Amino acid sequence: MIPKKTLQLLLRRIRALENDPWTEDVAVKKLQDYRVADFRLRVGDYRVLFHKHEETKEIHLLRVLHRSKLY
């Protein structure tokens, strides 16, 4: 279970992605050789995995996991 304070931060960061996923302010990293997702957003000890489509300017959230369960 995600702690309430961390969950609020996760939601704020995901909303920031929604507003502008191509901004430099958000801690997004392109993943190499990772089949599940193209990008990840780091929020404390949690990672948000998603696909980012340049042409349509859409993001598709896939999952949120604690980093110990992701790597």
Protein backbone atom coordinates (compact mmCIF):
# COMPACT_ATOMS: atom_id res chain seq x y z
CA MET A 1 0.00 0.00 0.00
CA ILE A 2 1.31 3.42 -0.96
CA PRO A 3 1.57 5.86 1.97
CA LYS A 4 -0.95 8.73 1.75
CA LYS A 5 1.69 11.47 1.51
CA THR A 6 3.52 9.64 -1.29
CA LEU A 7 0.25 8.96 -3.09
CA GLN A 8 -0.57 12.68 -3.09
CA LEU A 9 2.86 13.46 -4.52
CA LEU A 10 2.43 10.75 -7.17
CA LEU A 11 -0.90 12.23 -8.23
CA ARG A 12 0.61 15.73 -8.47
CA ARG A 13 3.47 14.48 -10.64
CA ILE A 14 1.13 12.48 -12.87
CA ARG A 15 -1.03 15.58 -13.31
CA ALA A 16 2.12 17.52 -14.25
CA LEU A 17 2.70 14.90 -16.96
CA GLU A 18 -0.86 15.39 -18.11
CA ASN A 19 -0.34 19.13 -18.47
CA ASP A 20 3.03 18.91 -20.23
CA PRO A 21 4.79 15.53 -20.51
CA TRP A 22 7.61 17.07 -22.52
CA THR A 23 8.76 19.55 -19.88
CA GLU A 24 12.27 19.38 -18.47
CA ASP A 25 11.00 19.93 -14.90
CA VAL A 26 9.54 16.45 -14.55
CA ALA A 27 11.96 13.59 -13.69
CA VAL A 28 11.20 11.46 -16.74
CA LYS A 29 13.74 9.03 -18.14
CA LYS A 30 13.60 7.11 -21.41
CA LEU A 31 14.06 3.41 -20.67
CA GLN A 32 16.46 1.31 -22.72
CA ASP A 33 15.71 -2.35 -23.49
CA TYR A 34 12.64 -2.43 -21.24
CA ARG A 35 9.65 -4.09 -22.89
CA VAL A 36 6.91 -2.98 -20.53
CA ALA A 37 7.25 0.79 -20.97
CA ASP A 38 9.14 3.44 -22.88
CA PHE A 39 9.49 5.95 -20.03
CA ARG A 40 9.49 6.13 -16.27
CA LEU A 41 8.74 8.91 -13.85
CA ARG A 42 10.60 8.78 -10.53
CA VAL A 43 8.67 9.89 -7.44
CA GLY A 44 10.57 9.04 -4.25
CA ASP A 45 10.82 5.26 -4.01
CA TYR A 46 8.05 4.75 -6.58
CA ARG A 47 8.18 4.59 -10.35
CA VAL A 48 5.41 5.40 -12.82
CA LEU A 49 5.80 3.53 -16.09
CA PHE A 50 4.22 4.94 -19.23
CA HIS A 51 4.32 5.26 -23.00
CA LYS A 52 4.65 8.71 -24.55
CA HIS A 53 3.42 9.24 -28.11
CA GLU A 54 5.14 12.16 -29.79
CA GLU A 55 2.78 12.44 -32.75
CA THR A 56 -0.46 12.59 -30.78
CA LYS A 57 1.04 14.18 -27.64
CA GLU A 58 -0.57 11.47 -25.50
CA ILE A 59 0.70 9.52 -22.54
CA HIS A 60 -0.57 6.11 -21.46
CA LEU A 61 0.06 5.22 -17.84
CA LEU A 62 0.84 1.57 -17.37
CA ARG A 63 1.65 1.00 -13.71
CA VAL A 64 2.98 2.46 -10.48
CA LEU A 65 5.40 0.28 -8.53
CA HIS A 66 7.81 0.54 -5.63
CA ARG A 67 11.31 0.52 -7.07
CA SER A 68 12.15 -2.73 -5.24
CA LYS A 69 9.48 -4.51 -7.28
CA LEU A 70 10.34 -2.85 -10.57
CA TYR A 71 14.03 -3.53 -11.14
